Protein backbone atom coordinates (compact mmCIF):
# COMPACT_ATOMS: atom_id res chain seq x y z
CA MET A 1 183.83 38.41 97.18
CA SER A 2 182.89 41.91 95.97
CA PRO A 3 181.46 44.38 98.51
CA ALA A 4 177.86 45.48 98.24
CA ARG A 5 177.46 48.08 95.50
CA ALA A 6 175.51 51.22 96.21
CA ASP A 7 172.24 50.69 94.27
CA GLY A 8 171.69 53.45 91.66
CA TYR A 9 174.80 55.34 92.57
CA PRO A 10 175.69 57.69 90.89
CA ASP A 11 172.59 58.98 89.25
CA ARG A 12 173.87 62.47 88.70
CA THR A 13 177.14 64.56 88.50
CA VAL A 14 179.89 63.61 91.01
CA LYS A 15 182.22 66.53 91.97
CA ILE A 16 185.85 65.90 93.12
CA ILE A 17 187.32 68.83 94.91
CA VAL A 18 191.12 69.20 94.33
CA PRO A 19 192.58 71.70 96.89
CA PHE A 20 195.59 72.65 94.61
CA PRO A 21 195.76 74.46 91.32
CA ALA A 22 195.32 72.82 87.84
CA GLY A 23 198.45 71.85 86.03
CA GLY A 24 200.31 69.88 88.76
CA THR A 25 200.43 66.13 89.45
CA ALA A 26 197.83 66.62 92.28
CA ASP A 27 195.43 67.75 89.57
CA ALA A 28 196.48 65.39 86.78
CA VAL A 29 196.08 62.15 88.65
CA PRO A 30 192.42 62.67 89.76
CA ARG A 31 191.53 64.03 86.25
CA LEU A 32 192.67 60.76 84.61
CA VAL A 33 190.61 58.74 87.09
CA ALA A 34 187.51 61.01 86.89
CA ASP A 35 187.53 60.83 83.06
CA TRP A 36 187.49 57.06 83.24
CA LEU A 37 184.78 56.92 86.00
CA SER A 38 182.51 59.28 84.09
CA ARG A 39 182.61 56.77 81.17
CA LYS A 40 182.01 53.87 83.42
CA TRP A 41 179.23 55.47 85.37
CA GLY A 42 177.57 57.30 82.47
CA GLN A 43 177.50 60.46 84.64
CA PRO A 44 179.82 63.47 84.58
CA VAL A 45 182.58 63.46 87.14
CA VAL A 46 183.98 66.88 87.38
CA ILE A 47 187.12 68.34 89.05
CA GLU A 48 186.74 71.50 90.95
CA ASN A 49 190.02 73.27 91.96
CA ARG A 50 189.60 75.01 95.32
CA THR A 51 193.07 76.22 96.27
CA GLY A 52 194.66 77.99 99.22
CA ALA A 53 196.09 77.49 102.72
CA ALA A 54 198.11 74.42 101.86
CA GLY A 55 195.03 72.52 100.75
CA ASN A 56 193.01 73.34 103.90
CA ILE A 57 190.36 75.52 102.00
CA GLY A 58 189.31 72.78 99.55
CA ALA A 59 189.50 70.09 102.27
CA GLU A 60 187.24 71.93 104.59
CA ALA A 61 184.66 72.47 101.73
CA ALA A 62 184.57 68.70 101.06
CA PHE A 63 184.44 68.02 104.75
CA ARG A 64 181.26 70.00 105.12
CA ALA A 65 179.59 68.65 101.98
CA ALA A 66 176.66 66.18 102.17
CA PRO A 67 177.87 62.69 102.93
CA ASP A 68 176.18 61.23 99.88
CA GLY A 69 179.02 60.36 97.53
CA TYR A 70 178.45 63.29 95.25
CA THR A 71 181.18 65.45 96.72
CA LEU A 72 184.62 63.83 97.14
CA LEU A 73 188.07 65.22 97.95
CA SER A 74 191.26 64.21 96.02
CA ALA A 75 194.41 65.45 97.72
CA PRO A 76 198.16 64.88 98.20
CA PRO A 77 199.38 64.45 101.78
CA PRO A 78 199.15 68.01 103.22
CA PRO A 79 195.49 68.37 104.12
CA LEU A 80 195.05 64.65 104.88
CA VAL A 81 198.06 63.72 106.97
CA ILE A 82 200.43 66.69 107.45
CA ASN A 83 198.49 69.91 108.28
CA GLN A 84 196.95 68.66 111.59
CA SER A 85 200.51 68.53 112.91
CA LEU A 86 201.43 71.90 111.66
CA TYR A 87 198.49 74.20 112.12
CA PRO A 88 197.26 75.11 115.54
CA LYS A 89 193.70 75.04 114.36
CA LEU A 90 191.92 73.52 111.20
CA GLY A 91 188.25 74.03 110.26
CA PHE A 92 187.97 70.26 109.71
CA ASP A 93 189.17 66.95 111.24
CA PRO A 94 191.23 65.02 108.70
CA ALA A 95 190.87 61.78 110.87
CA LYS A 96 187.09 61.95 110.27
CA PHE A 97 187.10 61.74 106.52
CA GLU A 98 186.11 58.35 105.09
CA PRO A 99 189.26 57.02 103.42
CA ILE A 100 188.47 55.54 99.98
CA ILE A 101 191.80 54.87 98.13
CA VAL A 102 195.29 56.07 97.38
CA MET A 103 195.39 56.15 93.61
CA ALA A 104 199.18 56.53 92.99
CA GLN A 105 202.36 57.56 94.53
CA VAL A 106 205.03 59.82 93.10
CA PRO A 107 208.48 59.60 94.75
CA ASN A 108 210.19 62.83 95.89
CA ALA A 109 213.68 63.12 94.57
CA LEU A 110 216.81 65.14 95.33
CA ILE A 111 217.36 67.52 92.31
CA VAL A 112 220.37 69.96 92.13
CA ASN A 113 221.44 72.68 89.93
CA PRO A 114 224.59 71.08 88.30
CA ASN A 115 226.40 74.51 87.97
CA ASN A 116 225.96 75.09 91.72
CA VAL A 117 226.40 71.71 93.22
CA LYS A 118 229.52 69.76 92.12
CA ALA A 119 228.84 66.52 94.11
CA SER A 120 228.36 63.47 91.79
CA ASN A 121 226.46 61.43 94.26
CA LEU A 122 224.72 61.67 97.50
CA ARG A 123 227.49 60.62 99.84
CA GLU A 124 229.70 63.36 98.34
CA LEU A 125 226.95 65.87 98.91
CA VAL A 126 226.47 64.82 102.51
CA GLU A 127 230.15 65.06 103.23
CA TYR A 128 230.27 68.59 101.70
CA LEU A 129 227.18 69.68 103.77
CA GLN A 130 228.68 68.33 106.98
CA LYS A 131 231.72 70.55 106.41
CA ASN A 132 229.76 73.58 105.22
CA PRO A 133 226.64 74.05 107.25
CA ASP A 134 224.06 76.57 106.15
CA LYS A 135 225.96 77.37 102.93
CA VAL A 136 223.76 75.30 100.57
CA THR A 137 220.26 76.69 99.74
CA ALA A 138 217.20 74.45 99.45
CA ALA A 139 214.25 75.64 97.48
CA THR A 140 210.81 74.36 98.68
CA GLN A 141 207.24 74.68 97.56
CA GLY A 142 206.56 76.67 100.78
CA ASN A 143 206.51 76.23 104.53
CA GLY A 144 205.10 72.86 105.61
CA THR A 145 204.90 71.46 102.09
CA THR A 146 206.13 67.97 101.30
CA SER A 147 209.36 69.35 99.77
CA HIS A 148 210.03 71.29 102.93
CA LEU A 149 209.31 68.33 105.24
CA THR A 150 211.40 66.03 102.97
CA SER A 151 214.23 68.48 103.26
CA GLU A 152 213.93 68.62 107.04
CA LEU A 153 213.78 64.75 107.35
CA PHE A 154 217.06 64.77 105.10
CA GLN A 155 218.77 67.25 107.48
CA LEU A 156 217.81 65.30 110.57
CA MET A 157 218.94 61.89 109.09
CA ALA A 158 222.15 63.22 107.38
CA LYS A 159 222.94 65.54 110.35
CA VAL A 160 223.43 68.50 108.09
CA LYS A 161 222.05 72.06 107.82
CA LEU A 162 220.58 73.63 104.68
CA ARG A 163 219.33 77.23 104.24
CA HIS A 164 215.60 77.04 103.47
CA ILE A 165 214.27 79.26 100.72
CA PRO A 166 210.47 78.90 100.53
CA TYR A 167 208.64 79.60 97.28
CA ARG A 168 204.99 79.67 96.51
CA GLY A 169 204.50 76.30 94.92
CA SER A 170 206.54 73.81 92.78
CA ALA A 171 206.69 75.83 89.52
CA PRO A 172 208.35 78.99 90.94
CA ALA A 173 210.69 76.87 93.07
CA LEU A 174 211.81 74.95 89.98
CA GLN A 175 212.27 78.23 88.09
CA GLY A 176 214.60 79.52 90.97
CA LEU A 177 216.57 76.17 90.84
CA LEU A 178 216.90 76.38 86.94
CA ALA A 179 218.09 80.02 87.28
CA GLY A 180 220.74 79.03 89.93
CA ASP A 181 219.11 81.27 92.60
CA VAL A 182 219.03 78.12 94.80
CA ASP A 183 221.18 75.05 94.88
CA LEU A 184 218.88 72.08 95.37
CA MET A 185 215.41 70.93 95.88
CA PHE A 186 213.37 67.88 96.97
CA ASP A 187 210.55 67.78 94.52
CA ASN A 188 208.16 65.15 93.20
CA LEU A 189 209.45 63.63 90.03
CA GLY A 190 206.18 64.27 88.12
CA VAL A 191 207.19 67.73 87.03
CA SER A 192 211.04 67.83 87.33
CA LEU A 193 212.01 64.61 85.45
CA ALA A 194 211.58 66.36 82.08
CA LEU A 195 214.07 68.99 83.18
CA VAL A 196 216.51 66.31 84.26
CA GLU A 197 216.21 64.47 80.98
CA ALA A 198 216.80 67.80 79.16
CA GLY A 199 220.13 68.13 81.10
CA LYS A 200 219.03 71.33 82.90
CA LEU A 201 218.91 69.77 86.42
CA LYS A 202 220.68 66.78 87.95
CA LEU A 203 218.89 63.97 89.72
CA LEU A 204 221.03 62.70 92.65
CA ALA A 205 218.70 60.20 94.31
CA VAL A 206 215.01 59.23 94.67
CA ALA A 207 213.22 59.15 98.04
CA SER A 208 211.19 55.95 97.40
CA PRO A 209 212.12 52.87 99.62
CA ASN A 210 213.33 51.07 96.32
CA ARG A 211 214.84 52.12 93.15
CA LEU A 212 212.27 52.97 90.46
CA PRO A 213 211.73 50.49 87.63
CA ALA A 214 211.74 53.43 85.20
CA LEU A 215 215.06 54.77 86.56
CA PRO A 216 217.11 51.74 87.60
CA ASP A 217 220.34 53.60 87.62
CA VAL A 218 219.30 56.34 90.07
CA PRO A 219 220.08 55.32 93.64
CA THR A 220 217.61 55.81 96.52
CA ILE A 221 218.44 58.11 99.39
CA ALA A 222 217.84 55.12 101.66
CA GLU A 223 220.96 53.50 100.17
CA THR A 224 222.98 56.31 101.92
CA LEU A 225 220.54 57.02 104.73
CA PRO A 226 218.79 53.84 105.60
CA GLY A 227 215.04 54.08 106.27
CA PHE A 228 214.62 57.32 104.39
CA GLU A 229 211.31 57.54 102.62
CA ALA A 230 209.25 60.48 101.26
CA VAL A 231 206.64 60.07 98.54
CA ALA A 232 203.90 62.26 97.41
CA TRP A 233 200.58 60.34 96.96
CA TYR A 234 197.17 61.17 95.72
CA GLY A 235 194.21 59.86 97.74
CA ILE A 236 190.39 60.10 97.47
CA VAL A 237 188.30 60.62 100.69
CA ALA A 238 184.73 61.28 101.28
CA PRO A 239 182.92 63.46 103.89
CA PRO A 240 182.40 61.96 107.32
CA GLY A 241 179.50 59.62 107.52
CA THR A 242 179.44 58.68 103.87
CA PRO A 243 177.70 55.23 103.65
CA LYS A 244 180.01 52.22 103.47
CA ASN A 245 178.35 50.83 100.32
CA ILE A 246 179.06 54.17 98.50
CA VAL A 247 182.70 54.17 99.76
CA ASP A 248 183.09 50.56 98.67
CA THR A 249 181.54 51.21 95.24
CA ILE A 250 183.94 54.09 94.54
CA ASN A 251 186.92 52.07 95.84
CA ALA A 252 186.11 49.12 93.51
CA ASP A 253 185.57 51.30 90.53
CA VAL A 254 188.80 53.38 90.99
CA ASN A 255 190.76 50.16 91.44
CA GLU A 256 189.27 48.99 88.11
CA ALA A 257 190.33 52.29 86.50
CA LEU A 258 193.94 51.86 87.87
CA ARG A 259 194.13 48.44 86.11
CA GLN A 260 193.45 49.90 82.67
CA PRO A 261 196.64 49.92 80.59
CA GLU A 262 195.99 53.27 79.05
CA LEU A 263 195.61 54.90 82.55
CA GLN A 264 198.73 53.14 83.76
CA ASP A 265 200.62 54.59 80.66
CA HIS A 266 199.50 58.11 81.55
CA LEU A 267 200.47 57.65 85.23
CA LYS A 268 203.96 56.44 84.11
CA ARG A 269 204.43 59.63 82.18
CA LEU A 270 203.82 61.52 85.43
CA SER A 271 206.39 59.20 87.17
CA ALA A 272 203.49 57.85 89.28
CA GLU A 273 203.26 54.25 90.46
CA VAL A 274 199.77 52.71 90.99
CA PHE A 275 199.01 52.18 94.72
CA GLY A 276 195.29 51.16 94.81
CA GLY A 277 194.00 48.35 97.09
CA SER A 278 191.31 48.12 99.73
CA VAL A 279 189.76 50.79 102.02
CA GLU A 280 191.57 49.15 104.84
CA ARG A 281 194.87 49.32 103.14
CA THR A 282 194.19 53.08 102.47
CA SER A 283 193.26 53.78 106.12
CA ARG A 284 196.36 51.94 107.45
CA TYR A 285 198.70 53.79 105.08
CA MET A 286 197.21 57.23 105.88
CA GLY A 287 197.70 56.50 109.53
CA GLU A 288 201.33 55.65 109.08
CA GLU A 289 201.86 58.83 107.15
CA VAL A 290 200.34 60.96 109.92
CA GLU A 291 202.86 59.41 112.31
CA ARG A 292 205.84 59.72 109.96
CA TRP A 293 205.38 63.47 109.37
CA ARG A 294 204.30 64.37 112.85
CA ALA A 295 207.65 62.99 114.05
CA VAL A 296 209.52 65.17 111.53
CA ILE A 297 207.61 68.26 112.32
CA LYS A 298 208.22 67.81 115.98
CA ALA A 299 211.93 67.04 115.63
CA ALA A 300 212.48 69.93 113.26
CA ASN A 301 210.28 72.23 115.30
CA ILE A 302 208.32 73.47 112.30
CA GLU A 303 205.49 75.94 113.08
CA ILE A 304 202.96 77.57 110.80
CA GLN A 305 201.27 80.69 112.20
């Protein structure tokens, strides 16, 4: 039973705002989907990068756009499920967006500089950290980012203390890790896997609930710290009040895109696993993520001024 399609939608250009810079996974995933949609719809689907304030600037622009299906937001977790627990005031209400779909997930992973960190597995690292609090430095993409919160979750669950070194984004943080300025980092695998395969960095464990089919020999953090989970994901939402038939049409067509073998191949190269599914599944998952990260932010007492 397919939901009612929106008649005549789209009959002009559809714009997808991505609130992060071009070049990262947050930009690559929606571009793949947009490209496929533009062929299916016979209309241009353009990506507009509106960066700044941990995704809040682009998210606010999408929030205030006309709810007609012609401006959408594609974002990773920060502006959709994390920032409302971090920032005292936002110019938009993430809970009022119309959830459409989560396209894909990319697990976070614990990556270390092999010259700085001698541990050969996670258990050895945890034992070392418990004996040497505050000695080991952790790079993050910045305060309140997924890598920062994953690091805080790890410290809470492993009962260890890392020294936090915030950078401005993934690329500079990885540079710092490669140079040995910092010891370890929780990063999404999309970018860092190539550096691991080149032998420049070492992958200790992945933060997905189960081992990845593509990396069967790499253990999960949850095998050492049961219940540990931290994945980056890339969702599409619409401005509040967007009609249900438009939301359902976009959901159905993005699901169709995600079933295409060539698209799945591209996603695999980004270490991304297809998520997809119904609007209800999307809404439920985003709700769980709000709770997961709110608990970490509260327990770790993280504040953004």
